[in-house]
Amino acid sequence: MFCDKVKEFLSQNKIEFTDRNITADALALAELEKLGYMTTPVTVIDDKIVVGFDRDKLEKLLKAGQ
């Protein structure tokens, strides 16, 4: 549910992203575990991590990266 919200938010704001499905991609799951998380979505922007759908944090990080 929140994965779809993050993807929708990024798409609406014309932000390119890579969608990684941890149920179908063992490497993606291993990378998620390496980051220390066992929940999704996890969005990484310039080495900053956003867990779940946090619109304010996503907007702040995207503006900082411009």
N, C-alpha and C. Protein backbone atom coordinates (compact mmCIF):
# COMPACT_ATOMS: atom_id res chain seq x y z
N MET A 1 0.82 -1.19 0.00
CA MET A 1 0.00 0.00 0.00
C MET A 1 0.87 1.25 0.00
N PHE A 2 1.80 1.36 0.96
CA PHE A 2 2.66 2.55 1.02
C PHE A 2 3.67 2.55 -0.11
N CYS A 3 4.05 1.36 -0.60
CA CYS A 3 4.94 1.30 -1.76
C CYS A 3 4.30 2.00 -2.94
N ASP A 4 3.02 1.72 -3.15
CA ASP A 4 2.31 2.35 -4.26
C ASP A 4 2.23 3.87 -4.09
N LYS A 5 2.08 4.32 -2.87
CA LYS A 5 2.00 5.77 -2.61
C LYS A 5 3.34 6.45 -2.92
N VAL A 6 4.44 5.80 -2.54
CA VAL A 6 5.76 6.36 -2.83
C VAL A 6 5.97 6.42 -4.34
N LYS A 7 5.66 5.33 -5.04
CA LYS A 7 5.83 5.29 -6.50
C LYS A 7 4.95 6.34 -7.17
N GLU A 8 3.73 6.49 -6.70
CA GLU A 8 2.82 7.50 -7.26
C GLU A 8 3.37 8.91 -7.04
N PHE A 9 3.84 9.18 -5.83
CA PHE A 9 4.40 10.49 -5.50
C PHE A 9 5.60 10.80 -6.40
N LEU A 10 6.52 9.85 -6.53
CA LEU A 10 7.70 10.08 -7.36
C LEU A 10 7.33 10.27 -8.82
N SER A 11 6.41 9.47 -9.31
CA SER A 11 5.98 9.58 -10.71
C SER A 11 5.31 10.93 -10.97
N GLN A 12 4.43 11.35 -10.08
CA GLN A 12 3.73 12.62 -10.25
C GLN A 12 4.69 13.81 -10.26
N ASN A 13 5.81 13.65 -9.55
CA ASN A 13 6.81 14.71 -9.48
C ASN A 13 7.93 14.52 -10.49
N LYS A 14 7.72 13.58 -11.43
CA LYS A 14 8.67 13.31 -12.51
C LYS A 14 10.08 12.99 -11.99
N ILE A 15 10.12 12.19 -10.92
CA ILE A 15 11.38 11.75 -10.33
C ILE A 15 11.64 10.33 -10.80
N GLU A 16 12.78 10.11 -11.45
CA GLU A 16 13.12 8.76 -11.88
C GLU A 16 13.50 7.93 -10.65
N PHE A 17 13.09 6.67 -10.67
CA PHE A 17 13.41 5.78 -9.55
C PHE A 17 13.52 4.35 -10.05
N THR A 18 14.17 3.54 -9.25
CA THR A 18 14.28 2.12 -9.53
C THR A 18 13.40 1.38 -8.54
N ASP A 19 12.45 0.63 -9.06
CA ASP A 19 11.53 -0.15 -8.23
C ASP A 19 12.15 -1.52 -8.00
N ARG A 20 12.40 -1.87 -6.75
CA ARG A 20 13.02 -3.15 -6.40
C ARG A 20 12.00 -3.98 -5.62
N ASN A 21 11.67 -5.16 -6.12
CA ASN A 21 10.68 -6.03 -5.50
C ASN A 21 11.40 -7.10 -4.68
N ILE A 22 11.37 -6.97 -3.37
CA ILE A 22 12.12 -7.90 -2.51
C ILE A 22 11.53 -9.30 -2.50
N THR A 23 10.29 -9.46 -2.93
CA THR A 23 9.71 -10.80 -2.98
C THR A 23 10.16 -11.56 -4.22
N ALA A 24 10.65 -10.85 -5.23
CA ALA A 24 11.07 -11.49 -6.47
C ALA A 24 12.57 -11.38 -6.72
N ASP A 25 13.27 -10.58 -5.91
CA ASP A 25 14.68 -10.29 -6.15
C ASP A 25 15.47 -10.48 -4.85
N ALA A 26 16.18 -11.60 -4.77
CA ALA A 26 16.93 -11.93 -3.55
C ALA A 26 18.01 -10.89 -3.25
N LEU A 27 18.63 -10.34 -4.29
CA LEU A 27 19.65 -9.31 -4.08
C LEU A 27 19.04 -8.06 -3.46
N ALA A 28 17.85 -7.68 -3.93
CA ALA A 28 17.17 -6.52 -3.36
C ALA A 28 16.86 -6.75 -1.88
N LEU A 29 16.41 -7.95 -1.54
CA LEU A 29 16.14 -8.29 -0.14
C LEU A 29 17.41 -8.22 0.69
N ALA A 30 18.50 -8.74 0.16
CA ALA A 30 19.78 -8.71 0.89
C ALA A 30 20.24 -7.27 1.11
N GLU A 31 20.06 -6.41 0.12
CA GLU A 31 20.44 -5.01 0.27
C GLU A 31 19.58 -4.31 1.31
N LEU A 32 18.30 -4.63 1.34
CA LEU A 32 17.41 -4.06 2.34
C LEU A 32 17.85 -4.48 3.75
N GLU A 33 18.16 -5.76 3.90
CA GLU A 33 18.63 -6.27 5.19
C GLU A 33 19.95 -5.61 5.59
N LYS A 34 20.82 -5.39 4.62
CA LYS A 34 22.12 -4.75 4.89
C LYS A 34 21.92 -3.32 5.41
N LEU A 35 20.87 -2.65 4.92
CA LEU A 35 20.55 -1.32 5.42
C LEU A 35 19.97 -1.36 6.84
N GLY A 36 19.59 -2.56 7.28
CA GLY A 36 19.06 -2.72 8.63
C GLY A 36 17.54 -2.66 8.71
N TYR A 37 16.87 -2.86 7.58
CA TYR A 37 15.41 -2.77 7.57
C TYR A 37 14.79 -4.08 7.11
N MET A 38 13.60 -4.36 7.64
CA MET A 38 12.84 -5.53 7.23
C MET A 38 11.41 -5.12 6.90
N THR A 39 11.24 -3.89 6.52
CA THR A 39 9.94 -3.37 6.15
C THR A 39 10.07 -2.59 4.85
N THR A 40 8.98 -2.38 4.18
CA THR A 40 8.99 -1.59 2.96
C THR A 40 7.85 -0.59 3.01
N PRO A 41 7.92 0.46 2.27
CA PRO A 41 9.01 0.82 1.36
C PRO A 41 10.16 1.51 2.07
N VAL A 42 11.32 1.37 1.49
CA VAL A 42 12.51 2.10 1.91
C VAL A 42 13.00 2.85 0.69
N THR A 43 13.07 4.16 0.79
CA THR A 43 13.52 5.00 -0.31
C THR A 43 14.85 5.60 0.07
N VAL A 44 15.84 5.47 -0.81
CA VAL A 44 17.17 6.02 -0.56
C VAL A 44 17.40 7.18 -1.53
N ILE A 45 17.68 8.35 -0.96
CA ILE A 45 17.95 9.56 -1.74
C ILE A 45 19.26 10.14 -1.25
N ASP A 46 20.28 10.08 -2.10
CA ASP A 46 21.60 10.61 -1.73
C ASP A 46 22.06 10.08 -0.37
N ASP A 47 21.99 8.78 -0.19
CA ASP A 47 22.41 8.10 1.05
C ASP A 47 21.55 8.41 2.27
N LYS A 48 20.47 9.14 2.08
CA LYS A 48 19.49 9.37 3.16
C LYS A 48 18.35 8.39 2.97
N ILE A 49 17.81 7.87 4.05
CA ILE A 49 16.79 6.83 3.99
C ILE A 49 15.45 7.34 4.51
N VAL A 50 14.41 7.02 3.75
CA VAL A 50 13.04 7.33 4.15
C VAL A 50 12.30 6.00 4.25
N VAL A 51 11.78 5.70 5.43
CA VAL A 51 11.04 4.46 5.63
C VAL A 51 9.55 4.79 5.60
N GLY A 52 8.81 4.03 4.81
CA GLY A 52 7.38 4.28 4.67
C GLY A 52 7.13 5.43 3.71
N PHE A 53 5.93 5.95 3.72
CA PHE A 53 5.59 7.10 2.88
C PHE A 53 5.53 8.34 3.75
N ASP A 54 6.62 9.09 3.73
CA ASP A 54 6.73 10.33 4.51
C ASP A 54 6.90 11.47 3.50
N ARG A 55 5.78 12.02 3.05
CA ARG A 55 5.79 13.05 1.99
C ARG A 55 6.71 14.21 2.34
N ASP A 56 6.64 14.70 3.57
CA ASP A 56 7.45 15.86 3.96
C ASP A 56 8.94 15.56 3.84
N LYS A 57 9.36 14.40 4.32
CA LYS A 57 10.77 14.04 4.27
C LYS A 57 11.22 13.81 2.83
N LEU A 58 10.37 13.17 2.02
CA LEU A 58 10.71 12.97 0.62
C LEU A 58 10.88 14.31 -0.09
N GLU A 59 9.95 15.23 0.11
CA GLU A 59 10.03 16.54 -0.52
C GLU A 59 11.29 17.29 -0.09
N LYS A 60 11.59 17.24 1.19
CA LYS A 60 12.78 17.93 1.72
C LYS A 60 14.06 17.38 1.09
N LEU A 61 14.17 16.06 1.02
CA LEU A 61 15.38 15.45 0.46
C LEU A 61 15.49 15.70 -1.04
N LEU A 62 14.37 15.68 -1.73
CA LEU A 62 14.40 15.92 -3.18
C LEU A 62 14.77 17.37 -3.48
N LYS A 63 14.28 18.31 -2.68
CA LYS A 63 14.64 19.71 -2.88
C LYS A 63 16.12 19.94 -2.59
N ALA A 64 16.63 19.27 -1.56
CA ALA A 64 18.05 19.42 -1.19
C ALA A 64 18.97 18.88 -2.28
N GLY A 65 18.50 17.88 -3.03
CA GLY A 65 19.33 17.28 -4.05
C GLY A 65 19.30 17.99 -5.39
N GLN A 66 18.52 19.05 -5.50
CA GLN A 66 18.42 19.77 -6.78
C GLN A 66 19.58 20.69 -7.01
